[in-house]
Amino acid sequence: MSGEPRVLVVDDELQIVRALRVVLREAGFEVAAAQSAREALDLAAVSPPRAAIVDLVLPDGDGVEVTRRLREWSEMPILVLSAVGDEEQKVKALEAGADDYITKPFGARELVARLQAALRRSEGARGEEPVIALDGLEVDLAARAVRREGEPIHLTPIEFELLRVLVRNRGRLMTHRALLKEVWGPGYADDVQALRTHIARLRAKIEPQGPGARPRYIVTDPGVGYRFSG
């Protein structure tokens, strides 16, 4: 039996499945393919994969429901793959438990990089990293301290909580609602303007400033949420 990480691919387009088989095998993954929601859930139950790539549109359901069902018993990384560009569908998939969202047509390198990042997050989640260092930014979770290029940065409690949630989920797209519920609580899940205000203040403290400067750490997915680059 192969020792390669097994990835469940759920898509009813045979061309997409064939392409994913080639891309994933070249990256060192074993592939199990399903063409329907029922087949996907059956395969996952019989032989749990390390990760799943699920299309949003399936002949007997949708990828959001497959994601939700898998999340009932598994913490495996789940990437949702679809031609649908609608922000509402993207948000639904992420809130159902998807780790990331990739739009067709996709680049092979991007898909593999997203999958590998999701697997690293999943494997690293078992033990909390006391200090996370990323591209000149150092976040000490235990001491609640932040330094950029060795210089301390003062953050308010809310700003630190936002940064803590983002860096612990680095590389993963976090919806507005997920961030609001995690930092402020369920009663604030729709207060997107407050989130934007605090993100702007956090960026002013940790991001490069000056003419032409672009966010290095906190990247915006318009209308959906934020991703901490890493």
Protein backbone atom coordinates (compact mmCIF):
# COMPACT_ATOMS: atom_id res chain seq x y z
CA MET A 1 0.00 0.00 0.00
CA SER A 2 1.30 3.47 -0.92
CA GLY A 3 2.68 5.70 1.82
CA GLU A 4 1.77 8.83 -0.10
CA PRO A 5 -0.82 11.20 1.43
CA ARG A 6 -4.24 10.29 0.02
CA VAL A 7 -6.39 13.10 -1.39
CA LEU A 8 -10.09 12.67 -2.15
CA VAL A 9 -11.06 14.51 -5.35
CA VAL A 10 -14.81 15.09 -5.80
CA ASP A 11 -15.82 16.36 -9.24
CA ASP A 12 -18.15 15.08 -11.96
CA GLU A 13 -16.07 16.62 -14.78
CA LEU A 14 -13.78 13.83 -15.98
CA GLN A 15 -11.32 16.28 -17.56
CA ILE A 16 -10.88 18.05 -14.22
CA VAL A 17 -10.41 14.73 -12.41
CA ARG A 18 -7.80 13.59 -14.93
CA ALA A 19 -5.95 16.90 -14.64
CA LEU A 20 -6.00 16.75 -10.84
CA ARG A 21 -4.71 13.16 -10.87
CA VAL A 22 -1.67 14.24 -12.90
CA VAL A 23 -1.01 17.39 -10.87
CA LEU A 24 -1.39 15.72 -7.49
CA ARG A 25 0.59 12.57 -8.38
CA GLU A 26 3.48 14.73 -9.61
CA ALA A 27 3.37 16.50 -6.24
CA GLY A 28 3.57 13.19 -4.36
CA PHE A 29 -0.08 12.56 -3.52
CA GLU A 30 -2.23 9.48 -4.03
CA VAL A 31 -5.65 10.28 -5.53
CA ALA A 32 -9.08 8.75 -4.85
CA ALA A 33 -11.80 10.16 -7.12
CA ALA A 34 -15.56 10.45 -6.66
CA GLN A 35 -18.11 11.85 -9.11
CA SER A 36 -21.00 12.44 -6.71
CA ALA A 37 -21.68 13.55 -3.15
CA ARG A 38 -22.81 10.08 -2.08
CA GLU A 39 -19.75 8.37 -3.57
CA ALA A 40 -17.48 10.93 -1.90
CA LEU A 41 -18.98 10.41 1.55
CA ASP A 42 -18.85 6.62 1.14
CA LEU A 43 -15.19 6.67 0.06
CA ALA A 44 -14.22 8.99 2.91
CA ALA A 45 -15.99 6.81 5.47
CA VAL A 46 -14.40 3.55 4.26
CA SER A 47 -10.87 4.93 3.91
CA PRO A 48 -10.45 8.42 5.42
CA PRO A 49 -8.19 10.61 3.26
CA ARG A 50 -5.63 13.13 4.48
CA ALA A 51 -7.37 15.93 2.55
CA ALA A 52 -10.23 16.57 0.12
CA ILE A 53 -10.75 18.74 -2.94
CA VAL A 54 -14.49 19.18 -3.50
CA ASP A 55 -16.33 20.78 -6.41
CA LEU A 56 -19.26 23.01 -5.46
CA VAL A 57 -21.63 21.68 -8.15
CA LEU A 58 -22.34 17.92 -8.04
CA PRO A 59 -25.06 15.85 -9.74
CA ASP A 60 -26.70 14.80 -6.47
CA GLY A 61 -25.99 17.77 -4.23
CA ASP A 62 -23.37 20.42 -3.67
CA GLY A 63 -19.90 20.76 -2.26
CA VAL A 64 -21.10 22.88 0.65
CA GLU A 65 -23.16 19.97 2.00
CA VAL A 66 -20.33 17.47 1.38
CA THR A 67 -17.99 19.77 3.29
CA ARG A 68 -20.47 20.09 6.14
CA ARG A 69 -20.93 16.30 6.35
CA LEU A 70 -17.17 15.64 6.32
CA ARG A 71 -16.66 18.28 9.01
CA GLU A 72 -19.04 16.40 11.32
CA TRP A 73 -16.34 13.78 11.95
CA SER A 74 -13.08 14.93 10.38
CA GLU A 75 -10.61 17.82 10.69
CA MET A 76 -8.96 16.98 7.35
CA PRO A 77 -8.12 19.97 5.14
CA ILE A 78 -10.90 20.62 2.60
CA LEU A 79 -10.43 22.78 -0.48
CA VAL A 80 -13.50 23.79 -2.46
CA LEU A 81 -13.01 23.96 -6.22
CA SER A 82 -15.56 25.56 -8.53
CA ALA A 83 -16.19 27.80 -11.51
CA VAL A 84 -18.68 29.71 -9.38
CA GLY A 85 -17.31 33.19 -8.67
CA ASP A 86 -20.21 34.27 -6.48
CA GLU A 87 -19.03 35.67 -3.13
CA GLU A 88 -22.04 34.23 -1.29
CA GLN A 89 -21.16 30.67 -2.39
CA LYS A 90 -17.55 31.19 -1.37
CA VAL A 91 -18.64 32.36 2.08
CA LYS A 92 -21.06 29.42 2.48
CA ALA A 93 -18.32 26.93 1.64
CA LEU A 94 -15.88 28.48 4.09
CA GLU A 95 -18.49 28.68 6.84
CA ALA A 96 -19.38 25.02 6.26
CA GLY A 97 -15.79 24.19 7.18
CA ALA A 98 -13.75 24.47 3.98
CA ASP A 99 -10.16 25.53 4.54
CA ASP A 100 -9.78 27.34 1.25
CA TYR A 101 -11.47 28.11 -2.07
CA ILE A 102 -9.96 27.87 -5.55
CA THR A 103 -11.70 29.08 -8.69
CA LYS A 104 -11.62 27.27 -12.04
CA PRO A 105 -9.62 27.57 -14.18
CA PHE A 106 -6.86 27.08 -11.63
CA GLY A 107 -3.08 27.00 -11.81
CA ALA A 108 -1.48 23.68 -10.87
CA ARG A 109 1.21 25.33 -8.74
CA GLU A 110 -1.34 27.42 -6.85
CA LEU A 111 -3.56 24.42 -6.10
CA VAL A 112 -0.66 22.29 -4.84
CA ALA A 113 0.67 25.19 -2.75
CA ARG A 114 -2.75 25.77 -1.16
CA LEU A 115 -3.15 22.05 -0.45
CA GLN A 116 0.31 21.74 1.09
CA ALA A 117 -0.28 24.84 3.23
CA ALA A 118 -3.58 23.42 4.48
CA LEU A 119 -1.89 20.11 5.36
CA ARG A 120 0.89 21.94 7.24
CA ARG A 121 -1.71 23.90 9.24
CA SER A 122 -3.60 20.70 10.02
CA GLU A 123 -0.48 18.86 11.18
CA GLY A 124 0.80 21.83 13.16
CA ALA A 125 -2.51 22.41 14.94
CA ARG A 126 -1.78 19.61 17.42
CA GLY A 127 0.79 21.76 19.23
CA GLU A 128 0.55 25.53 19.68
CA GLU A 129 3.59 27.39 18.40
CA PRO A 130 4.77 29.71 21.20
CA VAL A 131 6.36 32.16 18.76
CA ILE A 132 5.41 32.58 15.11
CA ALA A 133 7.98 34.36 12.92
CA LEU A 134 6.96 35.35 9.41
CA ASP A 135 8.86 37.60 7.02
CA GLY A 136 10.23 39.99 9.63
CA LEU A 137 7.17 39.86 11.89
CA GLU A 138 7.40 37.97 15.20
CA VAL A 139 4.27 37.14 17.20
CA ASP A 140 4.80 35.73 20.70
CA LEU A 141 1.44 34.16 21.53
CA ALA A 142 2.27 33.33 25.15
CA ALA A 143 3.70 36.77 26.00
CA ARG A 144 1.17 38.57 23.76
CA ALA A 145 4.05 40.52 22.26
CA VAL A 146 4.69 41.57 18.66
CA ARG A 147 7.93 42.70 17.03
CA ARG A 148 8.69 43.81 13.49
CA GLU A 149 12.33 43.63 12.40
CA GLY A 150 13.18 43.25 16.09
CA GLU A 151 11.34 46.40 17.18
CA PRO A 152 8.40 46.03 19.61
CA ILE A 153 4.94 47.05 18.36
CA HIS A 154 2.20 48.05 20.78
CA LEU A 155 -1.20 46.56 19.93
CA THR A 156 -4.51 46.98 21.70
CA PRO A 157 -6.10 43.77 23.07
CA ILE A 158 -8.53 43.62 20.12
CA GLU A 159 -5.75 44.19 17.58
CA PHE A 160 -3.66 41.41 19.15
CA GLU A 161 -6.61 39.00 19.13
CA LEU A 162 -7.22 39.73 15.45
CA LEU A 163 -3.55 39.14 14.67
CA ARG A 164 -3.49 35.98 16.80
CA VAL A 165 -6.44 34.46 14.94
CA LEU A 166 -5.01 35.42 11.55
CA VAL A 167 -1.48 34.09 12.17
CA ARG A 168 -2.76 30.82 13.66
CA ASN A 169 -4.74 30.35 10.43
CA ARG A 170 -2.03 31.76 8.17
CA GLY A 171 -2.59 31.04 4.51
CA ARG A 172 -6.27 30.33 5.14
CA LEU A 173 -9.03 32.66 3.97
CA MET A 174 -10.99 33.79 7.05
CA THR A 175 -14.45 35.25 6.40
CA HIS A 176 -15.61 38.47 8.03
CA ARG A 177 -18.14 36.51 10.06
CA ALA A 178 -15.57 33.96 11.27
CA LEU A 179 -13.19 36.68 12.45
CA LEU A 180 -15.95 38.66 14.16
CA LYS A 181 -17.28 35.61 15.99
CA GLU A 182 -13.80 34.49 17.03
CA VAL A 183 -12.62 37.89 18.31
CA TRP A 184 -15.79 39.69 19.42
CA GLY A 185 -18.30 36.86 19.89
CA PRO A 186 -21.47 35.62 18.09
CA GLY A 187 -23.41 38.80 18.86
CA TYR A 188 -21.06 40.81 16.62
CA ALA A 189 -21.01 38.47 13.61
CA ASP A 190 -22.47 41.09 11.25
CA ASP A 191 -20.46 44.15 12.34
CA VAL A 192 -18.22 44.18 9.27
CA GLN A 193 -17.49 47.91 9.48
CA ALA A 194 -15.98 47.51 12.97
CA LEU A 195 -13.78 44.69 11.65
CA ARG A 196 -12.58 46.81 8.73
CA THR A 197 -11.73 49.67 11.07
CA HIS A 198 -9.63 47.45 13.34
CA ILE A 199 -7.93 45.72 10.40
CA ALA A 200 -6.96 49.17 9.05
CA ARG A 201 -5.47 50.13 12.44
CA LEU A 202 -3.62 46.81 12.71
CA ARG A 203 -2.22 47.22 9.22
CA ALA A 204 -1.03 50.74 10.04
CA LYS A 205 1.10 49.24 12.83
CA ILE A 206 2.51 46.09 11.23
CA GLU A 207 2.49 46.68 7.47
CA PRO A 208 5.09 48.62 5.42
CA GLN A 209 4.07 52.24 5.03
CA GLY A 210 4.77 54.89 2.40
CA PRO A 211 3.84 55.64 -1.21
CA GLY A 212 3.15 52.53 -3.25
CA ALA A 213 3.41 50.21 -0.23
CA ARG A 214 1.17 47.15 -0.45
CA PRO A 215 0.03 44.85 2.38
CA ARG A 216 2.71 42.25 3.10
CA TYR A 217 0.89 40.30 5.81
CA ILE A 218 -2.88 40.84 5.79
CA VAL A 219 -4.36 40.33 2.32
CA THR A 220 -7.98 41.23 1.49
CA ASP A 221 -10.36 39.00 -0.45
CA PRO A 222 -12.93 41.70 -1.40
CA GLY A 223 -16.38 41.11 0.02
CA VAL A 224 -15.34 37.87 1.74
CA GLY A 225 -12.61 38.29 4.34
CA TYR A 226 -8.86 38.30 5.02
CA ARG A 227 -5.91 35.97 4.65
CA PHE A 228 -2.62 36.22 6.55
CA SER A 229 0.15 35.64 4.04
CA GLY A 230 2.52 32.93 5.15
